[in-house]
Amino acid sequence: GVLAERRTPAAAIVATTLVAIVLTLTGSLATLAQTV
């Protein structure tokens, strides 16, 4: 889905932001960085 006025992928932005927030609550900086 695209935000009609801004023409940005709003749904994808919300989803990826929420996942990133969850990840900050479940791991340390070192743990999150090791597999990248």
Full PDB file with SEQRES, HELIX, SHEET, SSBOND, CRYST1, ORIGX, SCALE, CONECT and MASTER records, all heavy atoms in Angstrom:
SEQRES   1 A   36  GLY VAL LEU ALA GLU ARG ARG THR PRO ALA ALA ALA ILE          
SEQRES   2 A   36  VAL ALA THR THR LEU VAL ALA ILE VAL LEU THR LEU THR          
SEQRES   3 A   36  GLY SER LEU ALA THR LEU ALA GLN THR VAL                      
HELIX    1 AA1 ALA A   10  THR A   24  1                                  15    
HELIX    2 AA2 LEU A   29  ALA A   33  1                                   5    
CRYST1    1.000    1.000    1.000  90.00  90.00  90.00 P 1           1          
ORIGX1      1.000000  0.000000  0.000000        0.00000                         
ORIGX2      0.000000  1.000000  0.000000        0.00000                         
ORIGX3      0.000000  0.000000  1.000000        0.00000                         
SCALE1      1.000000  0.000000  0.000000        0.00000                         
SCALE2      0.000000  1.000000  0.000000        0.00000                         
SCALE3      0.000000  0.000000  1.000000        0.00000                         
ATOM      1  N   GLY A   1       0.806  -1.214   0.000  1.00  0.00           N  
ATOM      2  CA  GLY A   1       0.000   0.000   0.000  1.00  0.00           C  
ATOM      3  C   GLY A   1       0.841   1.266   0.000  1.00  0.00           C  
ATOM      4  O   GLY A   1       1.914   1.325   0.598  1.00  0.00           O  
ATOM      5  N   VAL A   2       0.360   2.283  -0.713  1.00  0.00           N  
ATOM      6  CA  VAL A   2       1.059   3.568  -0.825  1.00  0.00           C  
ATOM      7  C   VAL A   2       0.184   4.664  -0.237  1.00  0.00           C  
ATOM      8  O   VAL A   2      -1.015   4.714  -0.497  1.00  0.00           O  
ATOM      9  CB  VAL A   2       1.402   3.887  -2.296  1.00  0.00           C  
ATOM     10  CG1 VAL A   2       1.999   5.281  -2.439  1.00  0.00           C  
ATOM     11  CG2 VAL A   2       2.361   2.843  -2.852  1.00  0.00           C  
ATOM     12  N   LEU A   3       0.770   5.534   0.558  1.00  0.00           N  
ATOM     13  CA  LEU A   3       0.062   6.685   1.101  1.00  0.00           C  
ATOM     14  C   LEU A   3      -0.273   7.626  -0.051  1.00  0.00           C  
ATOM     15  O   LEU A   3       0.627   8.115  -0.743  1.00  0.00           O  
ATOM     16  CB  LEU A   3       0.936   7.388   2.141  1.00  0.00           C  
ATOM     17  CG  LEU A   3       0.270   8.405   3.070  1.00  0.00           C  
ATOM     18  CD1 LEU A   3      -0.784   7.732   3.942  1.00  0.00           C  
ATOM     19  CD2 LEU A   3       1.312   9.082   3.952  1.00  0.00           C  
ATOM     20  N   ALA A   4      -1.562   7.849  -0.287  1.00  0.00           N  
ATOM     21  CA  ALA A   4      -2.010   8.543  -1.494  1.00  0.00           C  
ATOM     22  C   ALA A   4      -1.389   9.931  -1.640  1.00  0.00           C  
ATOM     23  O   ALA A   4      -0.910  10.306  -2.709  1.00  0.00           O  
ATOM     24  CB  ALA A   4      -3.532   8.640  -1.501  1.00  0.00           C  
ATOM     25  N   GLU A   5      -1.393  10.712  -0.571  1.00  0.00           N  
ATOM     26  CA  GLU A   5      -0.915  12.090  -0.658  1.00  0.00           C  
ATOM     27  C   GLU A   5       0.603  12.152  -0.787  1.00  0.00           C  
ATOM     28  O   GLU A   5       1.151  12.875  -1.616  1.00  0.00           O  
ATOM     29  CB  GLU A   5      -1.373  12.878   0.569  1.00  0.00           C  
ATOM     30  CG  GLU A   5      -0.963  14.346   0.537  1.00  0.00           C  
ATOM     31  CD  GLU A   5      -1.454  15.107   1.750  1.00  0.00           C  
ATOM     32  OE1 GLU A   5      -2.250  14.549   2.537  1.00  0.00           O  
ATOM     33  OE2 GLU A   5      -1.036  16.264   1.922  1.00  0.00           O  
ATOM     34  N   ARG A   6       1.298  11.387   0.033  1.00  0.00           N  
ATOM     35  CA  ARG A   6       2.762  11.433   0.056  1.00  0.00           C  
ATOM     36  C   ARG A   6       3.409  10.476  -0.937  1.00  0.00           C  
ATOM     37  O   ARG A   6       4.582  10.613  -1.268  1.00  0.00           O  
ATOM     38  CB  ARG A   6       3.254  11.098   1.475  1.00  0.00           C  
ATOM     39  CG  ARG A   6       2.990  12.203   2.478  1.00  0.00           C  
ATOM     40  CD  ARG A   6       3.916  13.356   2.235  1.00  0.00           C  
ATOM     41  NE  ARG A   6       3.576  14.525   3.043  1.00  0.00           N  
ATOM     42  CZ  ARG A   6       4.238  15.671   2.980  1.00  0.00           C  
ATOM     43  NH1 ARG A   6       5.250  15.800   2.147  1.00  0.00           N  
ATOM     44  NH2 ARG A   6       3.877  16.685   3.725  1.00  0.00           N  
ATOM     45  N   ARG A   7       2.646   9.463  -1.383  1.00  0.00           N  
ATOM     46  CA  ARG A   7       3.150   8.432  -2.297  1.00  0.00           C  
ATOM     47  C   ARG A   7       4.397   7.758  -1.735  1.00  0.00           C  
ATOM     48  O   ARG A   7       5.406   7.587  -2.410  1.00  0.00           O  
ATOM     49  CB  ARG A   7       3.394   9.040  -3.680  1.00  0.00           C  
ATOM     50  CG  ARG A   7       2.099   9.414  -4.392  1.00  0.00           C  
ATOM     51  CD  ARG A   7       2.312  10.225  -5.634  1.00  0.00           C  
ATOM     52  NE  ARG A   7       3.038   9.480  -6.658  1.00  0.00           N  
ATOM     53  CZ  ARG A   7       3.403  10.021  -7.822  1.00  0.00           C  
ATOM     54  NH1 ARG A   7       3.134  11.288  -8.074  1.00  0.00           N  
ATOM     55  NH2 ARG A   7       4.051   9.289  -8.711  1.00  0.00           N  
ATOM     56  N   THR A   8       4.305   7.407  -0.480  1.00  0.00           N  
ATOM     57  CA  THR A   8       5.343   6.619   0.187  1.00  0.00           C  
ATOM     58  C   THR A   8       4.720   5.309   0.647  1.00  0.00           C  
ATOM     59  O   THR A   8       3.513   5.246   0.912  1.00  0.00           O  
ATOM     60  CB  THR A   8       5.931   7.365   1.407  1.00  0.00           C  
ATOM     61  OG1 THR A   8       4.857   7.775   2.273  1.00  0.00           O  
ATOM     62  CG2 THR A   8       6.710   8.594   0.965  1.00  0.00           C  
ATOM     63  N   PRO A   9       5.520   4.227   0.765  1.00  0.00           N  
ATOM     64  CA  PRO A   9       4.973   2.909   1.150  1.00  0.00           C  
ATOM     65  C   PRO A   9       4.656   2.851   2.641  1.00  0.00           C  
ATOM     66  O   PRO A   9       5.382   2.259   3.439  1.00  0.00           O  
ATOM     67  CB  PRO A   9       6.101   1.953   0.762  1.00  0.00           C  
ATOM     68  CG  PRO A   9       7.338   2.766   0.869  1.00  0.00           C  
ATOM     69  CD  PRO A   9       6.959   4.155   0.459  1.00  0.00           C  
ATOM     70  N   ALA A  10       3.541   3.464   3.020  1.00  0.00           N  
ATOM     71  CA  ALA A  10       3.221   3.682   4.429  1.00  0.00           C  
ATOM     72  C   ALA A  10       3.108   2.383   5.216  1.00  0.00           C  
ATOM     73  O   ALA A  10       3.627   2.273   6.343  1.00  0.00           O  
ATOM     74  CB  ALA A  10       1.927   4.484   4.546  1.00  0.00           C  
ATOM     75  N   ALA A  11       2.401   1.386   4.660  1.00  0.00           N  
ATOM     76  CA  ALA A  11       2.210   0.130   5.392  1.00  0.00           C  
ATOM     77  C   ALA A  11       3.539  -0.557   5.658  1.00  0.00           C  
ATOM     78  O   ALA A  11       3.788  -1.078   6.752  1.00  0.00           O  
ATOM     79  CB  ALA A  11       1.285  -0.792   4.605  1.00  0.00           C  
ATOM     80  N   ALA A  12       4.415  -0.567   4.661  1.00  0.00           N  
ATOM     81  CA  ALA A  12       5.731  -1.189   4.830  1.00  0.00           C  
ATOM     82  C   ALA A  12       6.575  -0.429   5.849  1.00  0.00           C  
ATOM     83  O   ALA A  12       7.333  -1.033   6.615  1.00  0.00           O  
ATOM     84  CB  ALA A  12       6.453  -1.242   3.487  1.00  0.00           C  
ATOM     85  N   ILE A  13       6.439   0.898   5.871  1.00  0.00           N  
ATOM     86  CA  ILE A  13       7.183   1.707   6.840  1.00  0.00           C  
ATOM     87  C   ILE A  13       6.741   1.374   8.264  1.00  0.00           C  
ATOM     88  O   ILE A  13       7.564   1.178   9.164  1.00  0.00           O  
ATOM     89  CB  ILE A  13       6.999   3.201   6.552  1.00  0.00           C  
ATOM     90  CG1 ILE A  13       7.736   3.575   5.255  1.00  0.00           C  
ATOM     91  CG2 ILE A  13       7.511   4.059   7.714  1.00  0.00           C  
ATOM     92  CD1 ILE A  13       7.425   4.971   4.750  1.00  0.00           C  
ATOM     93  N   VAL A  14       5.434   1.282   8.470  1.00  0.00           N  
ATOM     94  CA  VAL A  14       4.911   0.950   9.810  1.00  0.00           C  
ATOM     95  C   VAL A  14       5.386  -0.435  10.233  1.00  0.00           C  
ATOM     96  O   VAL A  14       5.851  -0.635  11.362  1.00  0.00           O  
ATOM     97  CB  VAL A  14       3.368   1.023   9.812  1.00  0.00           C  
ATOM     98  CG1 VAL A  14       2.815   0.464  11.123  1.00  0.00           C  
ATOM     99  CG2 VAL A  14       2.903   2.464   9.617  1.00  0.00           C  
ATOM    100  N   ALA A  15       5.292  -1.399   9.332  1.00  0.00           N  
ATOM    101  CA  ALA A  15       5.656  -2.777   9.669  1.00  0.00           C  
ATOM    102  C   ALA A  15       7.142  -2.899  10.013  1.00  0.00           C  
ATOM    103  O   ALA A  15       7.505  -3.512  11.029  1.00  0.00           O  
ATOM    104  CB  ALA A  15       5.307  -3.712   8.513  1.00  0.00           C  
ATOM    105  N   THR A  16       8.007  -2.339   9.183  1.00  0.00           N  
ATOM    106  CA  THR A  16       9.446  -2.462   9.445  1.00  0.00           C  
ATOM    107  C   THR A  16       9.853  -1.703  10.708  1.00  0.00           C  
ATOM    108  O   THR A  16      10.737  -2.157  11.444  1.00  0.00           O  
ATOM    109  CB  THR A  16      10.264  -1.960   8.242  1.00  0.00           C  
ATOM    110  OG1 THR A  16       9.828  -0.646   7.865  1.00  0.00           O  
ATOM    111  CG2 THR A  16      10.097  -2.896   7.055  1.00  0.00           C  
ATOM    112  N   THR A  17       9.196  -0.579  10.965  1.00  0.00           N  
ATOM    113  CA  THR A  17       9.504   0.175  12.191  1.00  0.00           C  
ATOM    114  C   THR A  17       9.105  -0.619  13.424  1.00  0.00           C  
ATOM    115  O   THR A  17       9.854  -0.671  14.412  1.00  0.00           O  
ATOM    116  CB  THR A  17       8.786   1.537  12.176  1.00  0.00           C  
ATOM    117  OG1 THR A  17       9.213   2.292  11.038  1.00  0.00           O  
ATOM    118  CG2 THR A  17       9.102   2.332  13.440  1.00  0.00           C  
ATOM    119  N   LEU A  18       7.931  -1.251  13.383  1.00  0.00           N  
ATOM    120  CA  LEU A  18       7.477  -2.051  14.525  1.00  0.00           C  
ATOM    121  C   LEU A  18       8.414  -3.238  14.786  1.00  0.00           C  
ATOM    122  O   LEU A  18       8.732  -3.550  15.931  1.00  0.00           O  
ATOM    123  CB  LEU A  18       6.052  -2.538  14.289  1.00  0.00           C  
ATOM    124  CG  LEU A  18       4.952  -1.475  14.378  1.00  0.00           C  
ATOM    125  CD1 LEU A  18       3.603  -2.078  14.000  1.00  0.00           C  
ATOM    126  CD2 LEU A  18       4.894  -0.867  15.785  1.00  0.00           C  
ATOM    127  N   VAL A  19       8.853  -3.898  13.713  1.00  0.00           N  
ATOM    128  CA  VAL A  19       9.776  -5.030  13.878  1.00  0.00           C  
ATOM    129  C   VAL A  19      11.088  -4.562  14.486  1.00  0.00           C  
ATOM    130  O   VAL A  19      11.648  -5.204  15.375  1.00  0.00           O  
ATOM    131  CB  VAL A  19      10.015  -5.737  12.528  1.00  0.00           C  
ATOM    132  CG1 VAL A  19      11.117  -6.776  12.661  1.00  0.00           C  
ATOM    133  CG2 VAL A  19       8.724  -6.394  12.046  1.00  0.00           C  
ATOM    134  N   ALA A  20      11.597  -3.420  14.011  1.00  0.00           N  
ATOM    135  CA  ALA A  20      12.839  -2.884  14.566  1.00  0.00           C  
ATOM    136  C   ALA A  20      12.689  -2.558  16.046  1.00  0.00           C  
ATOM    137  O   ALA A  20      13.599  -2.817  16.848  1.00  0.00           O  
ATOM    138  CB  ALA A  20      13.270  -1.639  13.785  1.00  0.00           C  
ATOM    139  N   ILE A  21      11.541  -2.015  16.414  1.00  0.00           N  
ATOM    140  CA  ILE A  21      11.292  -1.701  17.828  1.00  0.00           C  
ATOM    141  C   ILE A  21      11.306  -2.976  18.664  1.00  0.00           C  
ATOM    142  O   ILE A  21      11.913  -3.019  19.747  1.00  0.00           O  
ATOM    143  CB  ILE A  21       9.952  -0.953  17.984  1.00  0.00           C  
ATOM    144  CG1 ILE A  21      10.080   0.477  17.439  1.00  0.00           C  
ATOM    145  CG2 ILE A  21       9.510  -0.921  19.447  1.00  0.00           C  
ATOM    146  CD1 ILE A  21       8.769   1.232  17.385  1.00  0.00           C  
ATOM    147  N   VAL A  22      10.650  -4.018  18.185  1.00  0.00           N  
ATOM    148  CA  VAL A  22      10.641  -5.294  18.907  1.00  0.00           C  
ATOM    149  C   VAL A  22      12.056  -5.833  19.063  1.00  0.00           C  
ATOM    150  O   VAL A  22      12.452  -6.321  20.132  1.00  0.00           O  
ATOM    151  CB  VAL A  22       9.744  -6.314  18.184  1.00  0.00           C  
ATOM    152  CG1 VAL A  22       9.904  -7.700  18.796  1.00  0.00           C  
ATOM    153  CG2 VAL A  22       8.287  -5.876  18.257  1.00  0.00           C  
ATOM    154  N   LEU A  23      12.855  -5.747  18.007  1.00  0.00           N  
ATOM    155  CA  LEU A  23      14.228  -6.256  18.066  1.00  0.00           C  
ATOM    156  C   LEU A  23      15.068  -5.519  19.101  1.00  0.00           C  
ATOM    157  O   LEU A  23      15.927  -6.119  19.747  1.00  0.00           O  
ATOM    158  CB  LEU A  23      14.877  -6.155  16.687  1.00  0.00           C  
ATOM    159  CG  LEU A  23      14.411  -7.176  15.651  1.00  0.00           C  
ATOM    160  CD1 LEU A  23      14.950  -6.828  14.272  1.00  0.00           C  
ATOM    161  CD2 LEU A  23      14.846  -8.585  16.050  1.00  0.00           C  
ATOM    162  N   THR A  24      14.828  -4.231  19.279  1.00  0.00           N  
ATOM    163  CA  THR A  24      15.596  -3.492  20.296  1.00  0.00           C  
ATOM    164  C   THR A  24      15.293  -3.993  21.705  1.00  0.00           C  
ATOM    165  O   THR A  24      16.118  -3.844  22.608  1.00  0.00           O  
ATOM    166  CB  THR A  24      15.299  -1.983  20.241  1.00  0.00           C  
ATOM    167  OG1 THR A  24      13.923  -1.744  20.580  1.00  0.00           O  
ATOM    168  CG2 THR A  24      15.608  -1.405  18.877  1.00  0.00           C  
ATOM    169  N   LEU A  25      14.121  -4.603  21.875  1.00  0.00           N  
ATOM    170  CA  LEU A  25      13.716  -5.100  23.190  1.00  0.00           C  
ATOM    171  C   LEU A  25      14.190  -6.524  23.446  1.00  0.00           C  
ATOM    172  O   LEU A  25      14.048  -7.033  24.551  1.00  0.00           O  
ATOM    173  CB  LEU A  25      12.189  -5.049  23.326  1.00  0.00           C  
ATOM    174  CG  LEU A  25      11.539  -3.674  23.139  1.00  0.00           C  
ATOM    175  CD1 LEU A  25      10.022  -3.802  23.172  1.00  0.00           C  
ATOM    176  CD2 LEU A  25      12.015  -2.697  24.203  1.00  0.00           C  
ATOM    177  N   THR A  26      14.742  -7.158  22.425  1.00  0.00           N  
ATOM    178  CA  THR A  26      15.068  -8.579  22.557  1.00  0.00           C  
ATOM    179  C   THR A  26      16.545  -8.904  22.381  1.00  0.00           C  
ATOM    180  O   THR A  26      16.909 -10.082  22.447  1.00  0.00           O  
ATOM    181  CB  THR A  26      14.268  -9.401  21.533  1.00  0.00           C  
ATOM    182  OG1 THR A  26      14.577  -8.932  20.214  1.00  0.00           O  
ATOM    183  CG2 THR A  26      12.775  -9.275  21.771  1.00  0.00           C  
ATOM    184  N   GLY A  27      17.382  -7.921  22.129  1.00  0.00           N  
ATOM    185  CA  GLY A  27      18.794  -8.224  21.922  1.00  0.00           C  
ATOM    186  C   GLY A  27      19.692  -7.032  22.178  1.00  0.00           C  
ATOM    187  O   GLY A  27      19.239  -5.881  22.167  1.00  0.00           O  
ATOM    188  N   SER A  28      20.966  -7.325  22.414  1.00  0.00           N  
ATOM    189  CA  SER A  28      21.963  -6.270  22.607  1.00  0.00           C  
ATOM    190  C   SER A  28      22.477  -5.807  21.253  1.00  0.00           C  
ATOM    191  O   SER A  28      22.211  -6.419  20.215  1.00  0.00           O  
ATOM    192  CB  SER A  28      23.126  -6.808  23.442  1.00  0.00           C  
ATOM    193  OG  SER A  28      23.827  -7.804  22.705  1.00  0.00           O  
ATOM    194  N   LEU A  29      23.217  -4.720  21.265  1.00  0.00           N  
ATOM    195  CA  LEU A  29      23.803  -4.205  20.040  1.00  0.00           C  
ATOM    196  C   LEU A  29      24.698  -5.250  19.377  1.00  0.00           C  
ATOM    197  O   LEU A  29      24.629  -5.467  18.166  1.00  0.00           O  
ATOM    198  CB  LEU A  29      24.605  -2.933  20.343  1.00  0.00           C  
ATOM    199  CG  LEU A  29      25.418  -2.344  19.197  1.00  0.00           C  
ATOM    200  CD1 LEU A  29      24.528  -2.004  18.022  1.00  0.00           C  
ATOM    201  CD2 LEU A  29      26.190  -1.121  19.673  1.00  0.00           C  
ATOM    202  N   ALA A  30      25.527  -5.932  20.175  1.00  0.00           N  
ATOM    203  CA  ALA A  30      26.431  -6.944  19.613  1.00  0.00           C  
ATOM    204  C   ALA A  30      25.644  -8.089  18.985  1.00  0.00           C  
ATOM    205  O   ALA A  30      25.955  -8.549  17.884  1.00  0.00           O  
ATOM    206  CB  ALA A  30      27.357  -7.470  20.696  1.00  0.00           C  
ATOM    207  N   THR A  31      24.596  -8.558  19.673  1.00  0.00           N  
ATOM    208  CA  THR A  31      23.787  -9.668  19.153  1.00  0.00           C  
ATOM    209  C   THR A  31      23.102  -9.297  17.848  1.00  0.00           C  
ATOM    210  O   THR A  31      23.056 -10.088  16.895  1.00  0.00           O  
ATOM    211  CB  THR A  31      22.727 -10.075  20.195  1.00  0.00           C  
ATOM    212  OG1 THR A  31      23.382 -10.456  21.405  1.00  0.00           O  
ATOM    213  CG2 THR A  31      21.879 -11.221  19.692  1.00  0.00           C  
ATOM    214  N   LEU A  32      22.590  -8.071  17.791  1.00  0.00           N  
ATOM    215  CA  LEU A  32      21.868  -7.642  16.598  1.00  0.00           C  
ATOM    216  C   LEU A  32      22.796  -7.445  15.404  1.00  0.00           C  
ATOM    217  O   LEU A  32      22.390  -7.611  14.248  1.00  0.00           O  
ATOM    218  CB  LEU A  32      21.122  -6.335  16.892  1.00  0.00           C  
ATOM    219  CG  LEU A  32      19.985  -6.429  17.920  1.00  0.00           C  
ATOM    220  CD1 LEU A  32      19.468  -5.053  18.261  1.00  0.00           C  
ATOM    221  CD2 LEU A  32      18.869  -7.316  17.401  1.00  0.00           C  
ATOM    222  N   ALA A  33      24.046  -7.094  15.667  1.00  0.00           N  
ATOM    223  CA  ALA A  33      24.968  -6.757  14.582  1.00  0.00           C  
ATOM    224  C   ALA A  33      25.706  -7.956  13.993  1.00  0.00           C  
ATOM    225  O   ALA A  33      26.173  -7.894  12.856  1.00  0.00           O  
ATOM    226  CB  ALA A  33      25.984  -5.733  15.082  1.00  0.00           C  
ATOM    227  N   GLN A  34      25.812  -9.052  14.734  1.00  0.00           N  
ATOM    228  CA  GLN A  34      26.709 -10.146  14.346  1.00  0.00           C  
ATOM    229  C   GLN A  34      26.342 -10.840  13.042  1.00  0.00           C  
ATOM    230  O   GLN A  34      27.204 -11.323  12.315  1.00  0.00           O  
ATOM    231  CB  GLN A  34      26.791 -11.186  15.471  1.00  0.00           C  
ATOM    232  CG  GLN A  34      27.657 -10.745  16.628  1.00  0.00           C  
ATOM    233  CD  GLN A  34      27.612 -11.728  17.789  1.00  0.00           C  
ATOM    234  OE1 GLN A  34      26.689 -12.533  17.889  1.00  0.00           O  
ATOM    235  NE2 GLN A  34      28.594 -11.662  18.644  1.00  0.00           N  
ATOM    236  N   THR A  35      25.056 -10.920  12.729  1.00  0.00           N  
ATOM    237  CA  THR A  35      24.650 -11.683  11.541  1.00  0.00           C  
ATOM    238  C   THR A  35      24.497 -10.840  10.278  1.00  0.00           C  
ATOM    239  O   THR A  35      24.280 -11.386   9.196  1.00  0.00           O  
ATOM    240  CB  THR A  35      23.302 -12.386  11.800  1.00  0.00           C  
ATOM    241  OG1 THR A  35      22.323 -11.394  12.097  1.00  0.00           O  
ATOM    242  CG2 THR A  35      23.403 -13.362  12.937  1.00  0.00           C  
ATOM    243  N   VAL A  36      24.589  -9.510  10.422  1.00  0.00           N  
ATOM    244  CA  VAL A  36      24.292  -8.632   9.290  1.00  0.00           C  
ATOM    245  C   VAL A  36      25.208  -8.897   8.093  1.00  0.00           C  
ATOM    246  O   VAL A  36      24.744  -9.065   6.961  1.00  0.00           O  
ATOM    247  CB  VAL A  36      24.369  -7.153   9.714  1.00  0.00           C  
ATOM    248  CG1 VAL A  36      24.258  -6.231   8.507  1.00  0.00           C  
ATOM    249  CG2 VAL A  36      23.264  -6.837  10.718  1.00  0.00           C  
TER     250      VAL A  36                                                      
MASTER        0    0    0    2    0    0    0    6  249    1    0    3          
END                                                                             
